[in-house]
């Protein structure tokens, strides 16, 4: 899938569906929130949410006092929807970009990705993502990457996904990061289906 195809797909999703019509909706952004709070040194930590879209995580982070937040997503429509909820949060940065093409202008304390990486089924796209990851996480910083687990769905939003366990995630990210924690998570979609996720926390060494 090309960059233009990806952008068109996700733009269409967010223009035609509401929160209750997409499987990834969470009213309570766990375990993402608890992992960020555990590994961020303080509320001054710089955080980037990859594929944040219309996620409610940024709302809760802002409510918890985090100020240095960046949200990156392919879909401008998704970012616009979230931005409208957070008009009183002027310090949040919004970036409409394809992570496989994006060059980070600075490094972050926390890289968070819930269900973006697993859509990259082509090796070249994964390599481009990981190049951005390596450039964007400070030494001693952490990447929190959630994907479908090995017993999770094989497709999402009509697209194939690559499933992981913590070992294969650590191998994918490479030796510059150390796997320091992993959690399984059973996510319930708005229509009651249960999806198996794995959350891997990797420290930049």
Protein backbone atom coordinates (compact mmCIF):
# COMPACT_ATOMS: atom_id res chain seq x y z
CA UNK A 1 0.00 0.00 0.00
CA UNK A 2 1.42 3.38 -0.99
CA UNK A 3 1.54 6.46 1.23
CA UNK A 4 -1.31 8.02 -0.78
CA UNK A 5 -3.40 4.85 -0.44
CA UNK A 6 -2.87 4.78 3.33
CA UNK A 7 -3.78 8.43 3.70
CA UNK A 8 -6.92 8.04 1.58
CA UNK A 9 -8.00 4.95 3.51
CA UNK A 10 -7.72 6.54 6.95
CA UNK A 11 -9.11 9.89 5.87
CA UNK A 12 -12.19 8.06 4.56
CA UNK A 13 -12.53 6.09 7.82
CA UNK A 14 -12.59 9.21 9.95
CA UNK A 15 -14.83 11.16 7.58
CA UNK A 16 -17.46 8.42 7.34
CA UNK A 17 -17.47 6.73 10.78
CA UNK A 18 -18.02 7.95 14.31
CA UNK A 19 -16.29 6.70 17.47
CA UNK A 20 -18.80 3.93 18.05
CA UNK A 21 -18.26 2.54 14.56
CA UNK A 22 -14.50 1.87 14.80
CA UNK A 23 -13.06 -1.06 16.73
CA UNK A 24 -10.22 0.80 18.44
CA UNK A 25 -12.37 3.25 20.41
CA UNK A 26 -11.59 3.42 24.13
CA UNK A 27 -13.32 5.66 26.64
CA UNK A 28 -10.69 4.64 29.20
CA UNK A 29 -7.24 4.64 27.54
CA UNK A 30 -5.67 1.76 29.42
CA UNK A 31 -3.10 0.34 29.70
CA UNK A 32 -1.57 3.19 27.68
CA UNK A 33 -2.15 5.79 30.38
CA UNK A 34 -0.72 3.77 33.27
CA UNK A 35 2.36 2.83 31.25
CA UNK A 36 3.02 6.44 30.23
CA UNK A 37 2.61 7.59 33.83
CA UNK A 38 4.99 4.85 34.97
CA UNK A 39 7.79 5.65 32.53
CA UNK A 40 7.46 9.42 32.06
CA UNK A 41 9.76 11.13 34.53
CA UNK A 42 7.23 13.88 35.23
CA UNK A 43 4.36 15.77 33.65
CA UNK A 44 7.05 17.80 31.87
CA UNK A 45 8.06 14.73 29.84
CA UNK A 46 7.75 15.09 26.08
CA UNK A 47 5.31 12.57 24.62
CA UNK A 48 4.44 11.71 21.03
CA UNK A 49 1.37 9.60 20.23
CA UNK A 50 1.83 7.85 16.88
CA UNK A 51 -1.42 7.20 15.05
CA UNK A 52 -3.25 9.06 17.82
CA UNK A 53 -6.10 9.94 15.47
CA UNK A 54 -9.30 10.60 17.36
CA UNK A 55 -8.03 8.73 20.46
CA UNK A 56 -9.08 10.00 23.88
CA UNK A 57 -5.60 9.37 25.31
CA UNK A 58 -4.46 12.92 24.57
CA UNK A 59 -7.49 14.32 26.42
CA UNK A 60 -6.65 12.33 29.54
CA UNK A 61 -2.94 13.14 29.38
CA UNK A 62 -3.80 16.83 29.22
CA UNK A 63 -6.20 16.46 32.14
CA UNK A 64 -3.41 14.78 34.12
CA UNK A 65 -1.14 17.77 33.63
CA UNK A 66 1.08 16.73 30.73
CA UNK A 67 1.91 19.75 28.61
CA UNK A 68 4.50 18.62 26.02
CA UNK A 69 2.26 16.40 23.90
CA UNK A 70 2.48 15.76 20.16
CA UNK A 71 -0.13 13.77 18.24
CA UNK A 72 0.77 12.39 14.80
CA UNK A 73 -1.70 10.77 12.44
CA UNK A 74 -2.17 10.18 8.73
CA UNK A 75 -5.69 11.57 8.82
CA UNK A 76 -6.20 15.31 9.07
CA UNK A 77 -9.89 14.63 9.75
CA UNK A 78 -9.00 12.56 12.83
CA UNK A 79 -6.68 15.26 14.16
CA UNK A 80 -9.29 17.97 13.52
CA UNK A 81 -11.90 16.02 15.50
CA UNK A 82 -9.58 15.67 18.47
CA UNK A 83 -8.37 19.24 18.26
CA UNK A 84 -11.94 20.49 18.47
CA UNK A 85 -12.26 18.74 21.84
CA UNK A 86 -9.07 20.38 23.08
CA UNK A 87 -9.39 23.99 22.02
CA UNK A 88 -8.20 25.03 25.49
CA UNK A 89 -4.95 23.06 25.15
CA UNK A 90 -2.86 25.32 22.91
CA UNK A 91 0.49 23.68 23.65
CA UNK A 92 -0.47 20.34 22.06
CA UNK A 93 1.20 19.86 18.66
CA UNK A 94 -0.76 18.23 15.83
CA UNK A 95 1.07 16.63 12.91
CA UNK A 96 -0.66 15.16 9.85
CA UNK A 97 1.97 12.83 8.42
CA UNK A 98 2.79 9.27 7.42
CA UNK A 99 5.14 7.88 10.06
CA UNK A 100 7.09 6.04 7.35
CA UNK A 101 7.91 9.41 5.74
CA UNK A 102 8.21 11.63 8.81
CA UNK A 103 11.50 12.98 10.10
CA UNK A 104 11.30 13.95 13.78
CA UNK A 105 12.56 17.49 14.43
CA UNK A 106 13.39 16.64 18.03
CA UNK A 107 13.66 13.67 20.39
CA UNK A 108 10.99 12.66 22.90
CA UNK A 109 10.92 11.02 26.31
CA UNK A 110 7.97 8.79 25.41
CA UNK A 111 6.95 7.33 22.06
CA UNK A 112 3.46 5.82 22.28
CA UNK A 113 1.85 3.78 19.52
CA UNK A 114 -1.37 1.86 20.04
CA UNK A 115 -2.10 -0.09 16.87
CA UNK A 116 -0.24 1.82 14.16
CA UNK A 117 2.88 -0.33 13.76
CA UNK A 118 0.93 -3.53 13.20
CA UNK A 119 -0.53 -2.14 9.96
CA UNK A 120 2.97 -2.04 8.44
CA UNK A 121 3.08 -5.45 6.80
CA UNK A 122 5.79 -4.60 4.25
CA UNK A 123 9.39 -4.74 5.43
CA UNK A 124 10.30 -1.43 3.81
CA UNK A 125 7.53 0.35 5.71
CA UNK A 126 8.59 -1.23 9.00
CA UNK A 127 12.18 -0.18 8.38
CA UNK A 128 11.08 3.40 7.70
CA UNK A 129 8.98 3.45 10.88
CA UNK A 130 11.88 2.12 12.94
CA UNK A 131 14.22 4.74 11.46
CA UNK A 132 11.85 7.43 12.77
CA UNK A 133 11.55 5.65 16.11
CA UNK A 134 15.31 5.49 16.60
CA UNK A 135 15.68 9.16 15.74
CA UNK A 136 12.78 10.29 17.92
CA UNK A 137 13.46 8.66 21.31
CA UNK A 138 16.01 10.15 23.70
CA UNK A 139 18.66 7.99 25.31
CA UNK A 140 16.95 6.62 28.41
CA UNK A 141 13.53 7.33 26.90
CA UNK A 142 10.88 4.72 26.26
CA UNK A 143 8.81 3.41 23.36
CA UNK A 144 5.42 1.94 24.27
CA UNK A 145 4.19 -0.05 21.28
CA UNK A 146 0.88 -1.93 21.26
CA UNK A 147 -0.12 -4.33 18.51
CA UNK A 148 -2.47 -7.22 18.07
CA UNK A 149 -1.08 -10.24 19.91
CA UNK A 150 -0.42 -13.57 18.22
CA UNK A 151 -3.98 -14.64 19.01
CA UNK A 152 -5.42 -11.29 17.92
CA UNK A 153 -7.24 -10.42 14.68
CA UNK A 154 -5.50 -10.91 11.35
CA UNK A 155 -7.19 -7.82 9.88
CA UNK A 156 -8.45 -4.46 11.08
CA UNK A 157 -10.43 -1.83 9.19
CA UNK A 158 -10.27 -4.12 6.16
CA UNK A 159 -6.46 -4.15 6.16
CA UNK A 160 -4.06 -6.99 6.99
CA UNK A 161 -1.94 -6.64 10.11
CA UNK A 162 1.30 -8.09 11.44
CA UNK A 163 0.81 -9.67 14.88
CA UNK A 164 3.51 -9.72 17.57
CA UNK A 165 4.47 -11.06 20.94
CA UNK A 166 6.98 -9.23 23.18
CA UNK A 167 9.93 -11.28 21.88
CA UNK A 168 9.20 -10.60 18.22
CA UNK A 169 8.54 -6.94 19.01
CA UNK A 170 11.92 -6.64 20.73
CA UNK A 171 13.60 -8.33 17.77
CA UNK A 172 11.84 -6.01 15.34
CA UNK A 173 12.87 -2.84 17.16
CA UNK A 174 16.46 -4.00 17.49
CA UNK A 175 19.33 -3.92 19.99
CA UNK A 176 19.28 -0.15 20.51
CA UNK A 177 16.20 -0.72 22.70
CA UNK A 178 15.80 -3.05 25.69
CA UNK A 179 12.45 -4.69 26.39
CA UNK A 180 11.71 -3.70 30.00
CA UNK A 181 8.02 -4.62 30.38
CA UNK A 182 5.18 -6.22 28.50
CA UNK A 183 1.48 -6.61 29.17
CA UNK A 184 -1.34 -8.49 27.54
CA UNK A 185 -4.59 -6.63 27.11
CA UNK A 186 -8.09 -7.73 26.11
CA UNK A 187 -9.78 -4.83 24.35
CA UNK A 188 -13.55 -4.80 23.95
CA UNK A 189 -14.83 -3.00 20.85
CA UNK A 190 -17.92 -0.74 20.98
CA UNK A 191 -20.00 -3.68 19.68
CA UNK A 192 -18.69 -6.16 22.24
CA UNK A 193 -16.04 -8.12 20.34
CA UNK A 194 -12.87 -8.91 22.28
CA UNK A 195 -9.44 -8.34 20.69
CA UNK A 196 -6.13 -9.56 22.09
CA UNK A 197 -3.32 -6.97 22.26
CA UNK A 198 0.24 -6.98 23.52
CA UNK A 199 1.90 -3.84 24.93
CA UNK A 200 5.71 -3.78 24.84
CA UNK A 201 7.76 -1.14 26.65
CA UNK A 202 11.26 -0.66 25.28
CA UNK A 203 13.97 1.56 26.77
CA UNK A 204 16.42 3.38 24.52
CA UNK A 205 19.87 2.31 25.67
